[in-house]
Amino acid sequence: MSLSLTLVCLWALVANVLAMTPSKDHHWRNAYILIGIGIPLVGYVVTQHGPWIGLIVLAAGCSVLRWPVIYFGRWVRGAFSKGAAE
């Protein structure tokens, strides 16, 4: 297994362990840290294995961090609907 896929597996393991720990801020601080580490990891996977494996890794990361993705989608939809109304 390549270094990039090993790091992605380690990232997923850490994300799951962090999800099992109690948190007062509903894990948002952990999510920000995981996003900050995960985006460069996806880029590293794409450079080593190509865009299709990168998309699979991105989908796996989105499934782990689903609530930040949902809130981002709502924010984008709201920004475009406000822009169309003006």
N, C-alpha and C. Protein backbone atom coordinates (compact mmCIF):
# COMPACT_ATOMS: atom_id res chain seq x y z
N MET A 1 0.85 -1.16 0.00
CA MET A 1 0.00 0.00 0.00
C MET A 1 0.90 1.23 0.00
N SER A 2 0.51 2.22 -0.75
CA SER A 2 1.32 3.42 -0.86
C SER A 2 1.21 4.28 0.40
N LEU A 3 2.11 5.24 0.51
CA LEU A 3 2.12 6.12 1.68
C LEU A 3 0.84 6.94 1.76
N SER A 4 0.34 7.43 0.63
CA SER A 4 -0.85 8.27 0.66
C SER A 4 -2.07 7.49 1.15
N LEU A 5 -2.24 6.26 0.69
CA LEU A 5 -3.38 5.47 1.14
C LEU A 5 -3.22 5.04 2.60
N THR A 6 -2.00 4.83 3.04
CA THR A 6 -1.76 4.53 4.44
C THR A 6 -2.13 5.71 5.32
N LEU A 7 -1.77 6.91 4.89
CA LEU A 7 -2.13 8.11 5.65
C LEU A 7 -3.64 8.34 5.66
N VAL A 8 -4.31 8.03 4.56
CA VAL A 8 -5.77 8.16 4.52
C VAL A 8 -6.42 7.17 5.49
N CYS A 9 -5.91 5.95 5.54
CA CYS A 9 -6.44 4.96 6.48
C CYS A 9 -6.20 5.40 7.92
N LEU A 10 -5.04 5.98 8.20
CA LEU A 10 -4.76 6.51 9.53
C LEU A 10 -5.69 7.67 9.85
N TRP A 11 -5.96 8.54 8.88
CA TRP A 11 -6.89 9.65 9.06
C TRP A 11 -8.28 9.12 9.40
N ALA A 12 -8.74 8.09 8.70
CA ALA A 12 -10.05 7.52 8.96
C ALA A 12 -10.11 6.89 10.36
N LEU A 13 -9.04 6.24 10.76
CA LEU A 13 -9.00 5.65 12.09
C LEU A 13 -9.07 6.74 13.17
N VAL A 14 -8.30 7.79 13.01
CA VAL A 14 -8.33 8.90 13.97
C VAL A 14 -9.70 9.56 13.99
N ALA A 15 -10.32 9.73 12.82
CA ALA A 15 -11.65 10.34 12.75
C ALA A 15 -12.68 9.50 13.51
N ASN A 16 -12.60 8.20 13.38
CA ASN A 16 -13.54 7.34 14.09
C ASN A 16 -13.30 7.34 15.60
N VAL A 17 -12.05 7.39 16.01
CA VAL A 17 -11.75 7.47 17.44
C VAL A 17 -12.23 8.79 18.01
N LEU A 18 -12.01 9.88 17.28
CA LEU A 18 -12.49 11.19 17.74
C LEU A 18 -14.01 11.24 17.81
N ALA A 19 -14.69 10.53 16.93
CA ALA A 19 -16.14 10.52 16.96
C ALA A 19 -16.68 9.79 18.19
N MET A 20 -15.89 8.89 18.75
CA MET A 20 -16.34 8.15 19.93
C MET A 20 -16.08 8.89 21.24
N THR A 21 -15.30 9.95 21.19
CA THR A 21 -14.99 10.69 22.41
C THR A 21 -16.07 11.73 22.67
N PRO A 22 -16.32 12.05 23.95
CA PRO A 22 -17.31 13.10 24.24
C PRO A 22 -16.78 14.47 23.85
N SER A 23 -17.73 15.35 23.47
CA SER A 23 -17.33 16.69 23.04
C SER A 23 -18.42 17.68 23.43
N LYS A 24 -17.99 18.84 23.90
CA LYS A 24 -18.95 19.88 24.28
C LYS A 24 -19.42 20.69 23.09
N ASP A 25 -18.62 20.76 22.03
CA ASP A 25 -18.99 21.57 20.86
C ASP A 25 -19.51 20.71 19.71
N HIS A 26 -20.01 19.53 20.03
CA HIS A 26 -20.57 18.60 19.03
C HIS A 26 -19.56 18.25 17.95
N HIS A 27 -18.29 18.13 18.32
CA HIS A 27 -17.19 17.68 17.46
C HIS A 27 -16.84 18.65 16.33
N TRP A 28 -17.27 19.90 16.39
CA TRP A 28 -16.95 20.83 15.31
C TRP A 28 -15.46 21.15 15.27
N ARG A 29 -14.82 21.30 16.42
CA ARG A 29 -13.39 21.57 16.44
C ARG A 29 -12.62 20.41 15.82
N ASN A 30 -13.03 19.20 16.13
CA ASN A 30 -12.40 18.03 15.53
C ASN A 30 -12.63 18.01 14.02
N ALA A 31 -13.83 18.40 13.61
CA ALA A 31 -14.13 18.41 12.17
C ALA A 31 -13.25 19.41 11.43
N TYR A 32 -13.03 20.58 12.01
CA TYR A 32 -12.16 21.57 11.36
C TYR A 32 -10.74 21.04 11.20
N ILE A 33 -10.25 20.37 12.24
CA ILE A 33 -8.90 19.81 12.18
C ILE A 33 -8.83 18.71 11.13
N LEU A 34 -9.84 17.83 11.12
CA LEU A 34 -9.85 16.73 10.14
C LEU A 34 -9.97 17.26 8.71
N ILE A 35 -10.74 18.31 8.51
CA ILE A 35 -10.85 18.91 7.17
C ILE A 35 -9.51 19.51 6.76
N GLY A 36 -8.86 20.21 7.69
CA GLY A 36 -7.57 20.81 7.39
C GLY A 36 -6.49 19.80 7.04
N ILE A 37 -6.56 18.64 7.64
CA ILE A 37 -5.60 17.58 7.32
C ILE A 37 -6.05 16.78 6.11
N GLY A 38 -7.37 16.60 5.95
CA GLY A 38 -7.90 15.74 4.91
C GLY A 38 -7.80 16.30 3.51
N ILE A 39 -7.94 17.60 3.33
CA ILE A 39 -7.87 18.18 1.99
C ILE A 39 -6.50 17.97 1.35
N PRO A 40 -5.39 18.26 2.07
CA PRO A 40 -4.10 17.94 1.45
C PRO A 40 -3.89 16.45 1.21
N LEU A 41 -4.46 15.61 2.08
CA LEU A 41 -4.34 14.16 1.87
C LEU A 41 -5.03 13.72 0.58
N VAL A 42 -6.20 14.29 0.30
CA VAL A 42 -6.89 13.96 -0.95
C VAL A 42 -6.04 14.39 -2.14
N GLY A 43 -5.42 15.56 -2.05
CA GLY A 43 -4.53 16.00 -3.12
C GLY A 43 -3.35 15.07 -3.30
N TYR A 44 -2.81 14.58 -2.20
CA TYR A 44 -1.68 13.64 -2.26
C TYR A 44 -2.10 12.33 -2.90
N VAL A 45 -3.30 11.85 -2.57
CA VAL A 45 -3.81 10.62 -3.19
C VAL A 45 -4.01 10.83 -4.68
N VAL A 46 -4.53 11.98 -5.07
CA VAL A 46 -4.75 12.25 -6.50
C VAL A 46 -3.43 12.28 -7.25
N THR A 47 -2.39 12.86 -6.66
CA THR A 47 -1.11 12.90 -7.36
C THR A 47 -0.48 11.52 -7.49
N GLN A 48 -0.71 10.64 -6.52
CA GLN A 48 -0.11 9.32 -6.59
C GLN A 48 -0.95 8.29 -7.34
N HIS A 49 -2.28 8.41 -7.26
CA HIS A 49 -3.14 7.35 -7.79
C HIS A 49 -4.13 7.80 -8.84
N GLY A 50 -4.23 9.09 -9.08
CA GLY A 50 -5.14 9.57 -10.11
C GLY A 50 -6.46 10.06 -9.54
N PRO A 51 -7.27 10.67 -10.42
CA PRO A 51 -8.49 11.33 -9.95
C PRO A 51 -9.59 10.37 -9.50
N TRP A 52 -9.66 9.17 -10.06
CA TRP A 52 -10.74 8.26 -9.67
C TRP A 52 -10.57 7.77 -8.24
N ILE A 53 -9.38 7.40 -7.87
CA ILE A 53 -9.12 6.98 -6.49
C ILE A 53 -9.26 8.19 -5.56
N GLY A 54 -8.86 9.36 -6.05
CA GLY A 54 -9.05 10.58 -5.27
C GLY A 54 -10.51 10.87 -5.00
N LEU A 55 -11.37 10.63 -5.99
CA LEU A 55 -12.81 10.83 -5.78
C LEU A 55 -13.37 9.83 -4.78
N ILE A 56 -12.87 8.59 -4.81
CA ILE A 56 -13.32 7.60 -3.84
C ILE A 56 -12.91 8.02 -2.42
N VAL A 57 -11.69 8.49 -2.28
CA VAL A 57 -11.21 8.96 -0.97
C VAL A 57 -12.00 10.19 -0.53
N LEU A 58 -12.30 11.10 -1.45
CA LEU A 58 -13.10 12.28 -1.13
C LEU A 58 -14.49 11.88 -0.67
N ALA A 59 -15.12 10.91 -1.35
CA ALA A 59 -16.44 10.44 -0.94
C ALA A 59 -16.39 9.79 0.44
N ALA A 60 -15.33 9.06 0.72
CA ALA A 60 -15.19 8.45 2.04
C ALA A 60 -15.04 9.53 3.12
N GLY A 61 -14.27 10.56 2.82
CA GLY A 61 -14.12 11.66 3.78
C GLY A 61 -15.41 12.42 3.99
N CYS A 62 -16.19 12.60 2.92
CA CYS A 62 -17.48 13.28 3.04
C CYS A 62 -18.47 12.45 3.85
N SER A 63 -18.37 11.13 3.77
CA SER A 63 -19.26 10.30 4.57
C SER A 63 -18.89 10.36 6.05
N VAL A 64 -17.61 10.53 6.34
CA VAL A 64 -17.20 10.67 7.74
C VAL A 64 -17.58 12.04 8.27
N LEU A 65 -17.39 13.07 7.48
CA LEU A 65 -17.67 14.45 7.89
C LEU A 65 -18.97 14.93 7.24
N ARG A 66 -20.05 14.18 7.39
CA ARG A 66 -21.27 14.48 6.64
C ARG A 66 -21.94 15.78 7.08
N TRP A 67 -21.94 16.11 8.37
CA TRP A 67 -22.63 17.32 8.79
C TRP A 67 -21.95 18.60 8.31
N PRO A 68 -20.64 18.72 8.35
CA PRO A 68 -20.04 19.90 7.74
C PRO A 68 -20.35 20.01 6.24
N VAL A 69 -20.42 18.88 5.55
CA VAL A 69 -20.75 18.89 4.12
C VAL A 69 -22.20 19.33 3.91
N ILE A 70 -23.11 18.84 4.76
CA ILE A 70 -24.52 19.23 4.65
C ILE A 70 -24.68 20.73 4.91
N TYR A 71 -24.05 21.23 5.97
CA TYR A 71 -24.14 22.66 6.27
C TYR A 71 -23.51 23.52 5.18
N PHE A 72 -22.40 23.05 4.59
CA PHE A 72 -21.79 23.78 3.49
C PHE A 72 -22.73 23.82 2.27
N GLY A 73 -23.38 22.70 1.99
CA GLY A 73 -24.34 22.66 0.88
C GLY A 73 -25.51 23.61 1.11
N ARG A 74 -26.01 23.68 2.33
CA ARG A 74 -27.10 24.61 2.65
C ARG A 74 -26.64 26.05 2.50
N TRP A 75 -25.40 26.33 2.93
CA TRP A 75 -24.88 27.69 2.81
C TRP A 75 -24.74 28.10 1.35
N VAL A 76 -24.23 27.18 0.52
CA VAL A 76 -24.06 27.48 -0.91
C VAL A 76 -25.42 27.69 -1.56
N ARG A 77 -26.38 26.82 -1.25
CA ARG A 77 -27.71 26.95 -1.83
C ARG A 77 -28.35 28.28 -1.42
N GLY A 78 -28.18 28.66 -0.16
CA GLY A 78 -28.71 29.94 0.31
C GLY A 78 -28.03 31.13 -0.35
N ALA A 79 -26.74 31.03 -0.58
CA ALA A 79 -26.01 32.13 -1.22
C ALA A 79 -26.46 32.29 -2.67
N PHE A 80 -26.70 31.19 -3.37
CA PHE A 80 -27.14 31.29 -4.75
C PHE A 80 -28.60 31.73 -4.86
N SER A 81 -29.43 31.34 -3.91
CA SER A 81 -30.83 31.76 -3.97
C SER A 81 -30.97 33.24 -3.63
N LYS A 82 -30.14 33.76 -2.73
CA LYS A 82 -30.17 35.19 -2.41
C LYS A 82 -29.64 36.00 -3.59
N GLY A 83 -28.62 35.49 -4.26
CA GLY A 83 -28.05 36.19 -5.41
C GLY A 83 -29.02 36.25 -6.58
N ALA A 84 -29.84 35.24 -6.77
CA ALA A 84 -30.80 35.22 -7.87
C ALA A 84 -31.97 36.14 -7.59
N ALA A 85 -32.30 36.36 -6.31
CA ALA A 85 -33.45 37.20 -5.96
C ALA A 85 -33.12 38.68 -6.11
N GLU A 86 -31.87 39.03 -6.05
CA GLU A 86 -31.50 40.46 -6.10
C GLU A 86 -31.40 40.98 -7.49
